[in-house]
Amino acid sequence: MEALHSRSWENGHERLVTDLPGQALVALDHLTREEREGVFAALEAFARGEVEGTRVPGAEPLYALRAAPEVLVFVRKEPEAPVEAVDIMRPAALRTLGHAG
């Protein structure tokens, strides 16, 4: 998997972002290099508080980040915990899921 490259998520002693889950790694392999770079940049900027995500309605602290024009990253951010990437998807896939069921 090309997406499995070494990446430091540490900022001094503080871990900013957890390791990516399997489904996010699979999704990364379907993105262009520029889109993958956008995902990592969005995660890092959100973890540092440089950008705000759009809160996803519900009880969990989930946020959507625009990583590239056609790529969204869904993250969980608990207080005093590293950012956790939950999933990566294209807006078109999200719209399709919204119409399912």
PDB file of N, CA and C in Angstrom:
ATOM      1  N   MET A   1       0.833  -1.183   0.000  1.00  0.00           N
ATOM      2  CA  MET A   1       0.000   0.000   0.000  1.00  0.00           C
ATOM      3  C   MET A   1       0.880   1.249   0.000  1.00  0.00           C
ATOM      4  N   GLU A   2       0.682   2.052  -0.974  1.00  0.00           N
ATOM      5  CA  GLU A   2       1.485   3.270  -1.086  1.00  0.00           C
ATOM      6  C   GLU A   2       1.225   4.226   0.077  1.00  0.00           C
ATOM      7  N   ALA A   3       0.020   4.188   0.627  1.00  0.00           N
ATOM      8  CA  ALA A   3      -0.334   5.124   1.692  1.00  0.00           C
ATOM      9  C   ALA A   3       0.407   4.837   2.993  1.00  0.00           C
ATOM     10  N   LEU A   4       0.949   3.644   3.141  1.00  0.00           N
ATOM     11  CA  LEU A   4       1.638   3.284   4.378  1.00  0.00           C
ATOM     12  C   LEU A   4       3.072   3.791   4.362  1.00  0.00           C
ATOM     13  N   HIS A   5       3.244   5.079   4.381  1.00  0.00           N
ATOM     14  CA  HIS A   5       4.588   5.630   4.458  1.00  0.00           C
ATOM     15  C   HIS A   5       4.802   6.227   5.835  1.00  0.00           C
ATOM     16  N   SER A   6       6.044   6.363   6.213  1.00  0.00           N
ATOM     17  CA  SER A   6       6.365   6.862   7.547  1.00  0.00           C
ATOM     18  C   SER A   6       5.904   8.306   7.692  1.00  0.00           C
ATOM     19  N   ARG A   7       5.217   8.575   8.792  1.00  0.00           N
ATOM     20  CA  ARG A   7       4.729   9.934   9.038  1.00  0.00           C
ATOM     21  C   ARG A   7       4.775  10.182  10.537  1.00  0.00           C
ATOM     22  N   SER A   8       5.356  11.265  10.934  1.00  0.00           N
ATOM     23  CA  SER A   8       5.420  11.608  12.351  1.00  0.00           C
ATOM     24  C   SER A   8       4.231  12.483  12.711  1.00  0.00           C
ATOM     25  N   TRP A   9       3.440  12.029  13.669  1.00  0.00           N
ATOM     26  CA  TRP A   9       2.292  12.788  14.132  1.00  0.00           C
ATOM     27  C   TRP A   9       2.593  13.446  15.467  1.00  0.00           C
ATOM     28  N   GLU A  10       3.874  13.525  15.823  1.00  0.00           N
ATOM     29  CA  GLU A  10       4.250  14.041  17.135  1.00  0.00           C
ATOM     30  C   GLU A  10       4.607  15.522  17.043  1.00  0.00           C
ATOM     31  N   ASN A  11       4.298  16.241  18.111  1.00  0.00           N
ATOM     32  CA  ASN A  11       4.637  17.648  18.234  1.00  0.00           C
ATOM     33  C   ASN A  11       5.344  17.793  19.581  1.00  0.00           C
ATOM     34  N   GLY A  12       6.665  17.665  19.567  1.00  0.00           N
ATOM     35  CA  GLY A  12       7.377  17.621  20.834  1.00  0.00           C
ATOM     36  C   GLY A  12       7.060  16.302  21.509  1.00  0.00           C
ATOM     37  N   HIS A  13       6.498  16.341  22.709  1.00  0.00           N
ATOM     38  CA  HIS A  13       6.131  15.114  23.424  1.00  0.00           C
ATOM     39  C   HIS A  13       4.676  14.736  23.202  1.00  0.00           C
ATOM     40  N   GLU A  14       3.926  15.614  22.570  1.00  0.00           N
ATOM     41  CA  GLU A  14       2.490  15.412  22.422  1.00  0.00           C
ATOM     42  C   GLU A  14       2.170  14.750  21.082  1.00  0.00           C
ATOM     43  N   ARG A  15       1.382  13.694  21.130  1.00  0.00           N
ATOM     44  CA  ARG A  15       0.927  13.031  19.900  1.00  0.00           C
ATOM     45  C   ARG A  15      -0.314  13.770  19.420  1.00  0.00           C
ATOM     46  N   LEU A  16      -0.273  14.308  18.201  1.00  0.00           N
ATOM     47  CA  LEU A  16      -1.373  15.123  17.680  1.00  0.00           C
ATOM     48  C   LEU A  16      -2.463  14.310  16.996  1.00  0.00           C
ATOM     49  N   VAL A  17      -2.068  13.243  16.290  1.00  0.00           N
ATOM     50  CA  VAL A  17      -3.007  12.443  15.508  1.00  0.00           C
ATOM     51  C   VAL A  17      -2.695  10.973  15.739  1.00  0.00           C
ATOM     52  N   THR A  18      -3.740  10.164  15.958  1.00  0.00           N
ATOM     53  CA  THR A  18      -3.525   8.727  16.119  1.00  0.00           C
ATOM     54  C   THR A  18      -3.199   8.114  14.761  1.00  0.00           C
ATOM     55  N   ASP A  19      -2.702   6.886  14.780  1.00  0.00           N
ATOM     56  CA  ASP A  19      -2.456   6.169  13.526  1.00  0.00           C
ATOM     57  C   ASP A  19      -3.764   5.989  12.779  1.00  0.00           C
ATOM     58  N   LEU A  20      -3.687   5.967  11.478  1.00  0.00           N
ATOM     59  CA  LEU A  20      -4.898   5.855  10.665  1.00  0.00           C
ATOM     60  C   LEU A  20      -5.459   4.442  10.725  1.00  0.00           C
ATOM     61  N   PRO A  21      -6.794   4.313  10.847  1.00  0.00           N
ATOM     62  CA  PRO A  21      -7.402   2.983  10.853  1.00  0.00           C
ATOM     63  C   PRO A  21      -7.345   2.369   9.459  1.00  0.00           C
ATOM     64  N   GLY A  22      -7.579   1.064   9.397  1.00  0.00           N
ATOM     65  CA  GLY A  22      -7.476   0.325   8.140  1.00  0.00           C
ATOM     66  C   GLY A  22      -8.311   0.887   7.015  1.00  0.00           C
ATOM     67  N   GLN A  23      -9.575   1.252   7.295  1.00  0.00           N
ATOM     68  CA  GLN A  23     -10.429   1.747   6.212  1.00  0.00           C
ATOM     69  C   GLN A  23      -9.911   3.073   5.661  1.00  0.00           C
ATOM     70  N   ALA A  24      -9.272   3.888   6.515  1.00  0.00           N
ATOM     71  CA  ALA A  24      -8.710   5.152   6.033  1.00  0.00           C
ATOM     72  C   ALA A  24      -7.475   4.884   5.175  1.00  0.00           C
ATOM     73  N   LEU A  25      -6.679   3.894   5.559  1.00  0.00           N
ATOM     74  CA  LEU A  25      -5.504   3.548   4.749  1.00  0.00           C
ATOM     75  C   LEU A  25      -5.919   3.032   3.368  1.00  0.00           C
ATOM     76  N   VAL A  26      -6.966   2.222   3.331  1.00  0.00           N
ATOM     77  CA  VAL A  26      -7.470   1.726   2.049  1.00  0.00           C
ATOM     78  C   VAL A  26      -7.970   2.893   1.205  1.00  0.00           C
ATOM     79  N   ALA A  27      -8.705   3.812   1.821  1.00  0.00           N
ATOM     80  CA  ALA A  27      -9.220   4.980   1.098  1.00  0.00           C
ATOM     81  C   ALA A  27      -8.083   5.824   0.545  1.00  0.00           C
ATOM     82  N   LEU A  28      -7.010   5.986   1.319  1.00  0.00           N
ATOM     83  CA  LEU A  28      -5.864   6.783   0.854  1.00  0.00           C
ATOM     84  C   LEU A  28      -5.278   6.233  -0.438  1.00  0.00           C
ATOM     85  N   ASP A  29      -5.270   4.915  -0.566  1.00  0.00           N
ATOM     86  CA  ASP A  29      -4.696   4.304  -1.760  1.00  0.00           C
ATOM     87  C   ASP A  29      -5.511   4.568  -3.018  1.00  0.00           C
ATOM     88  N   HIS A  30      -6.728   5.093  -2.862  1.00  0.00           N
ATOM     89  CA  HIS A  30      -7.568   5.414  -4.019  1.00  0.00           C
ATOM     90  C   HIS A  30      -7.526   6.907  -4.352  1.00  0.00           C
ATOM     91  N   LEU A  31      -6.687   7.651  -3.645  1.00  0.00           N
ATOM     92  CA  LEU A  31      -6.565   9.086  -3.885  1.00  0.00           C
ATOM     93  C   LEU A  31      -5.295   9.384  -4.665  1.00  0.00           C
ATOM     94  N   THR A  32      -5.286  10.543  -5.290  1.00  0.00           N
ATOM     95  CA  THR A  32      -4.062  10.990  -5.953  1.00  0.00           C
ATOM     96  C   THR A  32      -3.043  11.409  -4.894  1.00  0.00           C
ATOM     97  N   ARG A  33      -1.818  11.581  -5.292  1.00  0.00           N
ATOM     98  CA  ARG A  33      -0.792  12.021  -4.358  1.00  0.00           C
ATOM     99  C   ARG A  33      -1.158  13.376  -3.755  1.00  0.00           C
ATOM    100  N   GLU A  34      -1.671  14.279  -4.568  1.00  0.00           N
ATOM    101  CA  GLU A  34      -2.061  15.603  -4.079  1.00  0.00           C
ATOM    102  C   GLU A  34      -3.195  15.504  -3.060  1.00  0.00           C
ATOM    103  N   GLU A  35      -4.155  14.613  -3.318  1.00  0.00           N
ATOM    104  CA  GLU A  35      -5.257  14.433  -2.378  1.00  0.00           C
ATOM    105  C   GLU A  35      -4.762  13.831  -1.061  1.00  0.00           C
ATOM    106  N   ARG A  36      -3.852  12.848  -1.137  1.00  0.00           N
ATOM    107  CA  ARG A  36      -3.278  12.270   0.089  1.00  0.00           C
ATOM    108  C   ARG A  36      -2.547  13.334   0.893  1.00  0.00           C
ATOM    109  N   GLU A  37      -1.773  14.166   0.216  1.00  0.00           N
ATOM    110  CA  GLU A  37      -1.068  15.245   0.911  1.00  0.00           C
ATOM    111  C   GLU A  37      -2.071  16.193   1.572  1.00  0.00           C
ATOM    112  N   GLY A  38      -3.196  16.437   0.898  1.00  0.00           N
ATOM    113  CA  GLY A  38      -4.244  17.264   1.468  1.00  0.00           C
ATOM    114  C   GLY A  38      -4.843  16.648   2.723  1.00  0.00           C
ATOM    115  N   VAL A  39      -5.000  15.324   2.726  1.00  0.00           N
ATOM    116  CA  VAL A  39      -5.523  14.630   3.908  1.00  0.00           C
ATOM    117  C   VAL A  39      -4.580  14.839   5.083  1.00  0.00           C
ATOM    118  N   PHE A  40      -3.285  14.595   4.880  1.00  0.00           N
ATOM    119  CA  PHE A  40      -2.319  14.745   5.974  1.00  0.00           C
ATOM    120  C   PHE A  40      -2.235  16.200   6.441  1.00  0.00           C
ATOM    121  N   ALA A  41      -2.274  17.124   5.503  1.00  0.00           N
ATOM    122  CA  ALA A  41      -2.222  18.549   5.865  1.00  0.00           C
ATOM    123  C   ALA A  41      -3.459  18.946   6.668  1.00  0.00           C
ATOM    124  N   ALA A  42      -4.634  18.470   6.260  1.00  0.00           N
ATOM    125  CA  ALA A  42      -5.874  18.793   6.981  1.00  0.00           C
ATOM    126  C   ALA A  42      -5.850  18.219   8.394  1.00  0.00           C
ATOM    127  N   LEU A  43      -5.380  16.979   8.537  1.00  0.00           N
ATOM    128  CA  LEU A  43      -5.292  16.364   9.863  1.00  0.00           C
ATOM    129  C   LEU A  43      -4.343  17.143  10.773  1.00  0.00           C
ATOM    130  N   GLU A  44      -3.202  17.500  10.251  1.00  0.00           N
ATOM    131  CA  GLU A  44      -2.224  18.235  11.053  1.00  0.00           C
ATOM    132  C   GLU A  44      -2.736  19.622  11.436  1.00  0.00           C
ATOM    133  N   ALA A  45      -3.352  20.318  10.482  1.00  0.00           N
ATOM    134  CA  ALA A  45      -3.860  21.668  10.759  1.00  0.00           C
ATOM    135  C   ALA A  45      -4.994  21.613  11.787  1.00  0.00           C
ATOM    136  N   PHE A  46      -5.881  20.632  11.676  1.00  0.00           N
ATOM    137  CA  PHE A  46      -6.975  20.488  12.638  1.00  0.00           C
ATOM    138  C   PHE A  46      -6.419  20.157  14.026  1.00  0.00           C
ATOM    139  N   ALA A  47      -5.447  19.261  14.083  1.00  0.00           N
ATOM    140  CA  ALA A  47      -4.859  18.866  15.367  1.00  0.00           C
ATOM    141  C   ALA A  47      -4.171  20.040  16.054  1.00  0.00           C
ATOM    142  N   ARG A  48      -3.600  20.940  15.281  1.00  0.00           N
ATOM    143  CA  ARG A  48      -2.932  22.108  15.848  1.00  0.00           C
ATOM    144  C   ARG A  48      -3.897  23.265  16.121  1.00  0.00           C
ATOM    145  N   GLY A  49      -5.152  23.103  15.744  1.00  0.00           N
ATOM    146  CA  GLY A  49      -6.138  24.156  15.960  1.00  0.00           C
ATOM    147  C   GLY A  49      -6.055  25.274  14.938  1.00  0.00           C
ATOM    148  N   GLU A  50      -5.414  25.015  13.814  1.00  0.00           N
ATOM    149  CA  GLU A  50      -5.254  26.030  12.770  1.00  0.00           C
ATOM    150  C   GLU A  50      -6.485  26.141  11.873  1.00  0.00           C
ATOM    151  N   VAL A  51      -7.270  25.077  11.801  1.00  0.00           N
ATOM    152  CA  VAL A  51      -8.531  25.083  11.041  1.00  0.00           C
ATOM    153  C   VAL A  51      -9.606  24.424  11.884  1.00  0.00           C
ATOM    154  N   GLU A  52     -10.841  24.801  11.613  1.00  0.00           N
ATOM    155  CA  GLU A  52     -11.980  24.186  12.286  1.00  0.00           C
ATOM    156  C   GLU A  52     -12.670  23.257  11.309  1.00  0.00           C
ATOM    157  N   GLY A  53     -13.169  22.162  11.806  1.00  0.00           N
ATOM    158  CA  GLY A  53     -13.957  21.269  10.987  1.00  0.00           C
ATOM    159  C   GLY A  53     -15.428  21.604  11.142  1.00  0.00           C
ATOM    160  N   THR A  54     -16.250  21.006  10.314  1.00  0.00           N
ATOM    161  CA  THR A  54     -17.693  21.148  10.420  1.00  0.00           C
ATOM    162  C   THR A  54     -18.210  20.048  11.325  1.00  0.00           C
ATOM    163  N   ARG A  55     -18.860  20.431  12.406  1.00  0.00           N
ATOM    164  CA  ARG A  55     -19.370  19.445  13.373  1.00  0.00           C
ATOM    165  C   ARG A  55     -20.443  18.596  12.710  1.00  0.00           C
ATOM    166  N   VAL A  56     -20.328  17.285  12.871  1.00  0.00           N
ATOM    167  CA  VAL A  56     -21.313  16.345  12.353  1.00  0.00           C
ATOM    168  C   VAL A  56     -22.375  16.170  13.442  1.00  0.00           C
ATOM    169  N   PRO A  57     -23.654  16.356  13.121  1.00  0.00           N
ATOM    170  CA  PRO A  57     -24.698  16.234  14.139  1.00  0.00           C
ATOM    171  C   PRO A  57     -24.678  14.859  14.804  1.00  0.00           C
ATOM    172  N   GLY A  58     -24.917  14.849  16.092  1.00  0.00           N
ATOM    173  CA  GLY A  58     -24.947  13.601  16.853  1.00  0.00           C
ATOM    174  C   GLY A  58     -24.217  13.757  18.157  1.00  0.00           C
ATOM    175  N   ALA A  59     -24.197  12.692  18.929  1.00  0.00           N
ATOM    176  CA  ALA A  59     -23.611  12.739  20.264  1.00  0.00           C
ATOM    177  C   ALA A  59     -22.084  12.723  20.244  1.00  0.00           C
ATOM    178  N   GLU A  60     -21.493  12.071  19.267  1.00  0.00           N
ATOM    179  CA  GLU A  60     -20.032  11.978  19.212  1.00  0.00           C
ATOM    180  C   GLU A  60     -19.413  13.285  18.750  1.00  0.00           C
ATOM    181  N   PRO A  61     -18.211  13.581  19.230  1.00  0.00           N
ATOM    182  CA  PRO A  61     -17.516  14.785  18.748  1.00  0.00           C
ATOM    183  C   PRO A  61     -16.841  14.511  17.397  1.00  0.00           C
ATOM    184  N   LEU A  62     -17.651  14.375  16.336  1.00  0.00           N
ATOM    185  CA  LEU A  62     -17.140  14.114  14.990  1.00  0.00           C
ATOM    186  C   LEU A  62     -17.150  15.403  14.176  1.00  0.00           C
ATOM    187  N   TYR A  63     -16.120  15.533  13.346  1.00  0.00           N
ATOM    188  CA  TYR A  63     -15.982  16.705  12.489  1.00  0.00           C
ATOM    189  C   TYR A  63     -15.630  16.248  11.078  1.00  0.00           C
ATOM    190  N   ALA A  64     -16.080  17.013  10.089  1.00  0.00           N
ATOM    191  CA  ALA A  64     -15.717  16.781   8.692  1.00  0.00           C
ATOM    192  C   ALA A  64     -14.730  17.861   8.284  1.00  0.00           C
ATOM    193  N   LEU A  65     -13.640  17.434   7.662  1.00  0.00           N
ATOM    194  CA  LEU A  65     -12.623  18.352   7.155  1.00  0.00           C
ATOM    195  C   LEU A  65     -12.547  18.218   5.643  1.00  0.00           C
ATOM    196  N   ARG A  66     -12.469  19.324   4.941  1.00  0.00           N
ATOM    197  CA  ARG A  66     -12.275  19.284   3.491  1.00  0.00           C
ATOM    198  C   ARG A  66     -10.770  19.202   3.265  1.00  0.00           C
ATOM    199  N   ALA A  67     -10.310  18.055   2.751  1.00  0.00           N
ATOM    200  CA  ALA A  67      -8.883  17.834   2.544  1.00  0.00           C
ATOM    201  C   ALA A  67      -8.455  18.187   1.125  1.00  0.00           C
ATOM    202  N   ALA A  68      -9.390  18.122   0.211  1.00  0.00           N
ATOM    203  CA  ALA A  68      -9.164  18.450  -1.198  1.00  0.00           C
ATOM    204  C   ALA A  68     -10.553  18.748  -1.763  1.00  0.00           C
ATOM    205  N   PRO A  69     -10.640  19.308  -2.958  1.00  0.00           N
ATOM    206  CA  PRO A  69     -11.971  19.636  -3.488  1.00  0.00           C
ATOM    207  C   PRO A  69     -12.948  18.461  -3.463  1.00  0.00           C
ATOM    208  N   GLU A  70     -12.467  17.262  -3.655  1.00  0.00           N
ATOM    209  CA  GLU A  70     -13.355  16.097  -3.693  1.00  0.00           C
ATOM    210  C   GLU A  70     -13.009  15.062  -2.629  1.00  0.00           C
ATOM    211  N   VAL A  71     -12.471  15.514  -1.487  1.00  0.00           N
ATOM    212  CA  VAL A  71     -12.109  14.575  -0.421  1.00  0.00           C
ATOM    213  C   VAL A  71     -12.484  15.160   0.938  1.00  0.00           C
ATOM    214  N   LEU A  72     -13.233  14.372   1.712  1.00  0.00           N
ATOM    215  CA  LEU A  72     -13.576  14.735   3.082  1.00  0.00           C
ATOM    216  C   LEU A  72     -12.908  13.747   4.039  1.00  0.00           C
ATOM    217  N   VAL A  73     -12.440  14.262   5.159  1.00  0.00           N
ATOM    218  CA  VAL A  73     -11.891  13.424   6.218  1.00  0.00           C
ATOM    219  C   VAL A  73     -12.781  13.613   7.435  1.00  0.00           C
ATOM    220  N   PHE A  74     -13.240  12.512   8.009  1.00  0.00           N
ATOM    221  CA  PHE A  74     -14.046  12.563   9.219  1.00  0.00           C
ATOM    222  C   PHE A  74     -13.156  12.219  10.399  1.00  0.00           C
ATOM    223  N   VAL A  75     -13.166  13.090  11.410  1.00  0.00           N
ATOM    224  CA  VAL A  75     -12.274  12.923  12.552  1.00  0.00           C
ATOM    225  C   VAL A  75     -13.061  13.002  13.856  1.00  0.00           C
ATOM    226  N   ARG A  76     -12.518  12.356  14.862  1.00  0.00           N
ATOM    227  CA  ARG A  76     -13.060  12.429  16.218  1.00  0.00           C
ATOM    228  C   ARG A  76     -12.042  13.184  17.049  1.00  0.00           C
ATOM    229  N   LYS A  77     -12.511  14.142  17.844  1.00  0.00           N
ATOM    230  CA  LYS A  77     -11.614  14.910  18.709  1.00  0.00           C
ATOM    231  C   LYS A  77     -12.201  14.996  20.101  1.00  0.00           C
ATOM    232  N   GLU A  78     -11.623  14.236  21.001  1.00  0.00           N
ATOM    233  CA  GLU A  78     -11.979  14.277  22.416  1.00  0.00           C
ATOM    234  C   GLU A  78     -11.035  15.262  23.094  1.00  0.00           C
ATOM    235  N   PRO A  79     -11.485  15.940  24.140  1.00  0.00           N
ATOM    236  CA  PRO A  79     -10.592  16.847  24.863  1.00  0.00           C
ATOM    237  C   PRO A  79      -9.358  16.102  25.391  1.00  0.00           C
ATOM    238  N   GLU A  80      -8.224  16.729  25.274  1.00  0.00           N
ATOM    239  CA  GLU A  80      -6.958  16.192  25.784  1.00  0.00           C
ATOM    240  C   GLU A  80      -6.551  14.869  25.144  1.00  0.00           C
ATOM    241  N   ALA A  81      -7.045  14.593  23.948  1.00  0.00           N
ATOM    242  CA  ALA A  81      -6.697  13.357  23.245  1.00  0.00           C
ATOM    243  C   ALA A  81      -6.272  13.696  21.823  1.00  0.00           C
ATOM    244  N   PRO A  82      -5.451  12.844  21.225  1.00  0.00           N
ATOM    245  CA  PRO A  82      -5.081  13.084  19.826  1.00  0.00           C
ATOM    246  C   PRO A  82      -6.297  12.999  18.904  1.00  0.00           C
ATOM    247  N   VAL A  83      -6.210  13.657  17.777  1.00  0.00           N
ATOM    248  CA  VAL A  83      -7.247  13.580  16.747  1.00  0.00           C
ATOM    249  C   VAL A  83      -7.235  12.165  16.175  1.00  0.00           C
ATOM    250  N   GLU A  84      -8.422  11.624  15.981  1.00  0.00           N
ATOM    251  CA  GLU A  84      -8.550  10.285  15.431  1.00  0.00           C
ATOM    252  C   GLU A  84      -9.287  10.358  14.093  1.00  0.00           C
ATOM    253  N   ALA A  85      -8.610   9.984  13.012  1.00  0.00           N
ATOM    254  CA  ALA A  85      -9.268   9.932  11.711  1.00  0.00           C
ATOM    255  C   ALA A  85     -10.197   8.724  11.706  1.00  0.00           C
ATOM    256  N   VAL A  86     -11.456   8.951  11.381  1.00  0.00           N
ATOM    257  CA  VAL A  86     -12.450   7.882  11.393  1.00  0.00           C
ATOM    258  C   VAL A  86     -12.629   7.303   9.998  1.00  0.00           C
ATOM    259  N   ASP A  87     -12.715   8.177   8.999  1.00  0.00           N
ATOM    260  CA  ASP A  87     -12.920   7.709   7.626  1.00  0.00           C
ATOM    261  C   ASP A  87     -12.548   8.816   6.650  1.00  0.00           C
ATOM    262  N   ILE A  88     -12.359   8.423   5.411  1.00  0.00           N
ATOM    263  CA  ILE A  88     -12.061   9.338   4.311  1.00  0.00           C
ATOM    264  C   ILE A  88     -13.010   8.969   3.178  1.00  0.00           C
ATOM    265  N   MET A  89     -13.685   9.953   2.633  1.00  0.00           N
ATOM    266  CA  MET A  89     -14.572   9.655   1.507  1.00  0.00           C
ATOM    267  C   MET A  89     -14.768  10.873   0.607  1.00  0.00           C
ATOM    268  N   ARG A  90     -15.282  10.599  -0.543  1.00  0.00           N
ATOM    269  CA  ARG A  90     -15.619  11.653  -1.493  1.00  0.00           C
ATOM    270  C   ARG A  90     -17.043  12.132  -1.210  1.00  0.00           C
ATOM    271  N   PRO A  91     -17.329  13.415  -1.419  1.00  0.00           N
ATOM    272  CA  PRO A  91     -18.685  13.922  -1.188  1.00  0.00           C
ATOM    273  C   PRO A  91     -19.751  13.154  -1.966  1.00  0.00           C
ATOM    274  N   ALA A  92     -19.435  12.702  -3.167  1.00  0.00           N
ATOM    275  CA  ALA A  92     -20.412  11.938  -3.961  1.00  0.00           C
ATOM    276  C   ALA A  92     -20.786  10.643  -3.251  1.00  0.00           C
ATOM    277  N   ALA A  93     -19.828   9.981  -2.636  1.00  0.00           N
ATOM    278  CA  ALA A  93     -20.117   8.750  -1.891  1.00  0.00           C
ATOM    279  C   ALA A  93     -20.976   9.061  -0.673  1.00  0.00           C
ATOM    280  N   LEU A  94     -20.704  10.170  -0.034  1.00  0.00           N
ATOM    281  CA  LEU A  94     -21.490  10.577   1.123  1.00  0.00           C
ATOM    282  C   LEU A  94     -22.945  10.856   0.724  1.00  0.00           C
ATOM    283  N   ARG A  95     -23.125  11.523  -0.407  1.00  0.00           N
ATOM    284  CA  ARG A  95     -24.484  11.790  -0.878  1.00  0.00           C
ATOM    285  C   ARG A  95     -25.213  10.471  -1.190  1.00  0.00           C
ATOM    286  N   THR A  96     -24.508   9.519  -1.777  1.00  0.00           N
ATOM    287  CA  THR A  96     -25.099   8.233  -2.076  1.00  0.00           C
ATOM    288  C   THR A  96     -25.527   7.525  -0.788  1.00  0.00           C
ATOM    289  N   LEU A  97     -24.687   7.560   0.212  1.00  0.00           N
ATOM    290  CA  LEU A  97     -25.034   6.954   1.502  1.00  0.00           C
ATOM    291  C   LEU A  97     -26.231   7.643   2.134  1.00  0.00           C
ATOM    292  N   GLY A  98     -26.319   8.940   1.952  1.00  0.00           N
ATOM    293  CA  GLY A  98     -27.435   9.699   2.521  1.00  0.00           C
ATOM    294  C   GLY A  98     -28.771   9.310   1.921  1.00  0.00           C
ATOM    295  N   HIS A  99     -28.749   8.838   0.676  1.00  0.00           N
ATOM    296  CA  HIS A  99     -29.983   8.444   0.005  1.00  0.00           C
ATOM    297  C   HIS A  99     -30.314   6.971   0.213  1.00  0.00           C
ATOM    298  N   ALA A 100     -29.360   6.212   0.740  1.00  0.00           N
ATOM    299  CA  ALA A 100     -29.594   4.782   0.978  1.00  0.00           C
ATOM    300  C   ALA A 100     -30.515   4.605   2.173  1.00  0.00           C
ATOM    301  N   GLY A 101     -31.356   3.617   2.091  1.00  0.00           N
ATOM    302  CA  GLY A 101     -32.229   3.261   3.218  1.00  0.00           C
ATOM    303  C   GLY A 101     -33.338   4.177   3.306  1.00  0.00           C
TER     304      GLY A 101
END
